[in-house]
Amino acid sequence: MRRNHAPPPSPTGVIDSGTTAVIPSTMGNVSKKSHSFDPDLYAELAATAQTLGVSESAALALAAEAWLRKQRGLAAVAEWEAENGAFTEAELAEADRILDSIGVPPE
């Protein structure tokens, strides 16, 4: 299945951010932030976190880690393409095949 190789759209859901505090926790120091979310987005996050038995903070941290990992990957691809030219259709198809074989779902 063909993946979208274009840069991702701007993040949605987060409306604003507030103050920062460093809080000691069992995970080491954490940075406590205040963010505003679309109510439906946050309700889905909270319900999914509860179903999976993780805190809402843990779910948000995991989502942020995944988003940042994706951004780093997209930046690496853009850098490679800037130096070497765009990937060919055959190279993109091979990348899709490899991603499919290791269970990475298409977007």
C-alpha atoms as a PDB file:
ATOM      1  CA  MET A   1       0.000   0.000   0.000  1.00  0.00           C
ATOM      2  CA  ARG A   2       1.385   3.403  -0.956  1.00  0.00           C
ATOM      3  CA  ARG A   3       2.599   5.653   1.848  1.00  0.00           C
ATOM      4  CA  ASN A   4       2.394   9.416   1.889  1.00  0.00           C
ATOM      5  CA  HIS A   5       5.987  10.569   1.407  1.00  0.00           C
ATOM      6  CA  ALA A   6       5.116  14.265   1.588  1.00  0.00           C
ATOM      7  CA  PRO A   7       5.975  16.314   4.685  1.00  0.00           C
ATOM      8  CA  PRO A   8       3.275  16.039   7.349  1.00  0.00           C
ATOM      9  CA  PRO A   9       0.675  18.769   7.842  1.00  0.00           C
ATOM     10  CA  SER A  10       0.982  21.159  10.754  1.00  0.00           C
ATOM     11  CA  PRO A  11       0.102  19.601  14.112  1.00  0.00           C
ATOM     12  CA  THR A  12      -3.515  20.044  15.134  1.00  0.00           C
ATOM     13  CA  GLY A  13      -5.312  19.835  18.416  1.00  0.00           C
ATOM     14  CA  VAL A  14      -2.879  21.831  20.578  1.00  0.00           C
ATOM     15  CA  ILE A  15      -4.192  25.354  20.913  1.00  0.00           C
ATOM     16  CA  ASP A  16      -1.763  26.940  23.355  1.00  0.00           C
ATOM     17  CA  SER A  17       0.822  26.119  25.989  1.00  0.00           C
ATOM     18  CA  GLY A  18       1.371  27.567  29.411  1.00  0.00           C
ATOM     19  CA  THR A  19       3.977  27.666  32.136  1.00  0.00           C
ATOM     20  CA  THR A  20       6.751  25.182  32.894  1.00  0.00           C
ATOM     21  CA  ALA A  21       7.761  23.616  36.190  1.00  0.00           C
ATOM     22  CA  VAL A  22      10.264  20.827  36.853  1.00  0.00           C
ATOM     23  CA  ILE A  23       8.709  18.202  39.095  1.00  0.00           C
ATOM     24  CA  PRO A  24      10.569  15.300  40.734  1.00  0.00           C
ATOM     25  CA  SER A  25       8.897  11.974  39.978  1.00  0.00           C
ATOM     26  CA  THR A  26       9.576   8.255  39.878  1.00  0.00           C
ATOM     27  CA  MET A  27      10.601   8.761  36.216  1.00  0.00           C
ATOM     28  CA  GLY A  28      13.235  11.331  37.197  1.00  0.00           C
ATOM     29  CA  ASN A  29      12.634  15.013  36.702  1.00  0.00           C
ATOM     30  CA  VAL A  30       9.708  15.846  34.456  1.00  0.00           C
ATOM     31  CA  SER A  31       8.671  19.139  32.967  1.00  0.00           C
ATOM     32  CA  LYS A  32       5.087  19.939  33.886  1.00  0.00           C
ATOM     33  CA  LYS A  33       3.247  21.895  31.178  1.00  0.00           C
ATOM     34  CA  SER A  34      -0.270  23.096  30.621  1.00  0.00           C
ATOM     35  CA  HIS A  35      -1.729  22.604  27.133  1.00  0.00           C
ATOM     36  CA  SER A  36      -5.153  23.036  25.598  1.00  0.00           C
ATOM     37  CA  PHE A  37      -6.622  20.369  23.306  1.00  0.00           C
ATOM     38  CA  ASP A  38      -9.651  19.901  21.146  1.00  0.00           C
ATOM     39  CA  PRO A  39     -12.152  18.272  23.556  1.00  0.00           C
ATOM     40  CA  ASP A  40     -12.856  15.299  21.268  1.00  0.00           C
ATOM     41  CA  LEU A  41      -9.148  14.638  20.714  1.00  0.00           C
ATOM     42  CA  TYR A  42      -8.433  14.682  24.440  1.00  0.00           C
ATOM     43  CA  ALA A  43     -11.451  12.505  25.251  1.00  0.00           C
ATOM     44  CA  GLU A  44     -10.198   9.876  22.802  1.00  0.00           C
ATOM     45  CA  LEU A  45      -6.685  10.071  24.249  1.00  0.00           C
ATOM     46  CA  ALA A  46      -7.975   9.729  27.815  1.00  0.00           C
ATOM     47  CA  ALA A  47     -10.240   6.791  26.947  1.00  0.00           C
ATOM     48  CA  THR A  48      -7.473   4.990  25.065  1.00  0.00           C
ATOM     49  CA  ALA A  49      -4.976   5.592  27.876  1.00  0.00           C
ATOM     50  CA  GLN A  50      -7.438   4.183  30.401  1.00  0.00           C
ATOM     51  CA  THR A  51      -8.128   1.131  28.210  1.00  0.00           C
ATOM     52  CA  LEU A  52      -4.389   0.474  27.921  1.00  0.00           C
ATOM     53  CA  GLY A  53      -3.762   1.085  31.620  1.00  0.00           C
ATOM     54  CA  VAL A  54      -1.419   4.040  31.209  1.00  0.00           C
ATOM     55  CA  SER A  55      -1.712   7.561  32.518  1.00  0.00           C
ATOM     56  CA  GLU A  56      -2.815  10.378  30.255  1.00  0.00           C
ATOM     57  CA  SER A  57       0.626  11.952  30.760  1.00  0.00           C
ATOM     58  CA  ALA A  58       2.323   8.728  29.667  1.00  0.00           C
ATOM     59  CA  ALA A  59       0.075   8.528  26.587  1.00  0.00           C
ATOM     60  CA  LEU A  60       0.925  12.125  25.670  1.00  0.00           C
ATOM     61  CA  ALA A  61       4.648  11.482  26.177  1.00  0.00           C
ATOM     62  CA  LEU A  62       4.497   8.375  23.965  1.00  0.00           C
ATOM     63  CA  ALA A  63       2.622  10.306  21.270  1.00  0.00           C
ATOM     64  CA  ALA A  64       5.148  13.146  21.425  1.00  0.00           C
ATOM     65  CA  GLU A  65       8.057  10.683  21.162  1.00  0.00           C
ATOM     66  CA  ALA A  66       6.471   9.026  18.112  1.00  0.00           C
ATOM     67  CA  TRP A  67       5.784  12.395  16.462  1.00  0.00           C
ATOM     68  CA  LEU A  68       9.350  13.593  17.064  1.00  0.00           C
ATOM     69  CA  ARG A  69      10.793  10.297  15.760  1.00  0.00           C
ATOM     70  CA  LYS A  70       8.735  10.744  12.595  1.00  0.00           C
ATOM     71  CA  GLN A  71       9.875  14.360  12.207  1.00  0.00           C
ATOM     72  CA  ARG A  72      13.523  13.302  12.543  1.00  0.00           C
ATOM     73  CA  GLY A  73      12.979  10.629   9.889  1.00  0.00           C
ATOM     74  CA  LEU A  74      11.313  13.060   7.504  1.00  0.00           C
ATOM     75  CA  ALA A  75      14.130  15.556   8.054  1.00  0.00           C
ATOM     76  CA  ALA A  76      16.714  12.845   7.294  1.00  0.00           C
ATOM     77  CA  VAL A  77      14.901  11.939   4.072  1.00  0.00           C
ATOM     78  CA  ALA A  78      14.692  15.606   3.045  1.00  0.00           C
ATOM     79  CA  GLU A  79      18.411  16.052   3.750  1.00  0.00           C
ATOM     80  CA  TRP A  80      19.297  12.936   1.741  1.00  0.00           C
ATOM     81  CA  GLU A  81      17.112  14.057  -1.160  1.00  0.00           C
ATOM     82  CA  ALA A  82      18.646  17.551  -1.083  1.00  0.00           C
ATOM     83  CA  GLU A  83      22.096  15.998  -1.477  1.00  0.00           C
ATOM     84  CA  ASN A  84      21.212  13.120  -3.836  1.00  0.00           C
ATOM     85  CA  GLY A  85      17.978  14.007  -5.615  1.00  0.00           C
ATOM     86  CA  ALA A  86      14.478  12.701  -5.106  1.00  0.00           C
ATOM     87  CA  PHE A  87      13.880   9.009  -4.557  1.00  0.00           C
ATOM     88  CA  THR A  88      12.740   7.158  -7.668  1.00  0.00           C
ATOM     89  CA  GLU A  89       9.385   5.392  -7.849  1.00  0.00           C
ATOM     90  CA  ALA A  90      11.250   2.062  -7.651  1.00  0.00           C
ATOM     91  CA  GLU A  91      13.086   3.186  -4.490  1.00  0.00           C
ATOM     92  CA  LEU A  92       9.825   4.356  -2.899  1.00  0.00           C
ATOM     93  CA  ALA A  93       8.153   1.051  -3.795  1.00  0.00           C
ATOM     94  CA  GLU A  94      11.060  -0.876  -2.240  1.00  0.00           C
ATOM     95  CA  ALA A  95      10.850   1.253   0.911  1.00  0.00           C
ATOM     96  CA  ASP A  96       7.105   0.536   1.119  1.00  0.00           C
ATOM     97  CA  ARG A  97       7.783  -3.198   0.694  1.00  0.00           C
ATOM     98  CA  ILE A  98      10.339  -3.164   3.510  1.00  0.00           C
ATOM     99  CA  LEU A  99       8.062  -1.172   5.812  1.00  0.00           C
ATOM    100  CA  ASP A 100       5.172  -3.544   5.061  1.00  0.00           C
ATOM    101  CA  SER A 101       7.396  -6.570   5.821  1.00  0.00           C
ATOM    102  CA  ILE A 102       8.234  -5.242   9.306  1.00  0.00           C
ATOM    103  CA  GLY A 103       4.647  -4.250  10.103  1.00  0.00           C
ATOM    104  CA  VAL A 104       4.785  -0.469   9.747  1.00  0.00           C
ATOM    105  CA  PRO A 105       1.272   0.570   8.740  1.00  0.00           C
ATOM    106  CA  PRO A 106       0.737   2.989   5.838  1.00  0.00           C
ATOM    107  CA  GLU A 107      -0.724   6.356   6.706  1.00  0.00           C
END
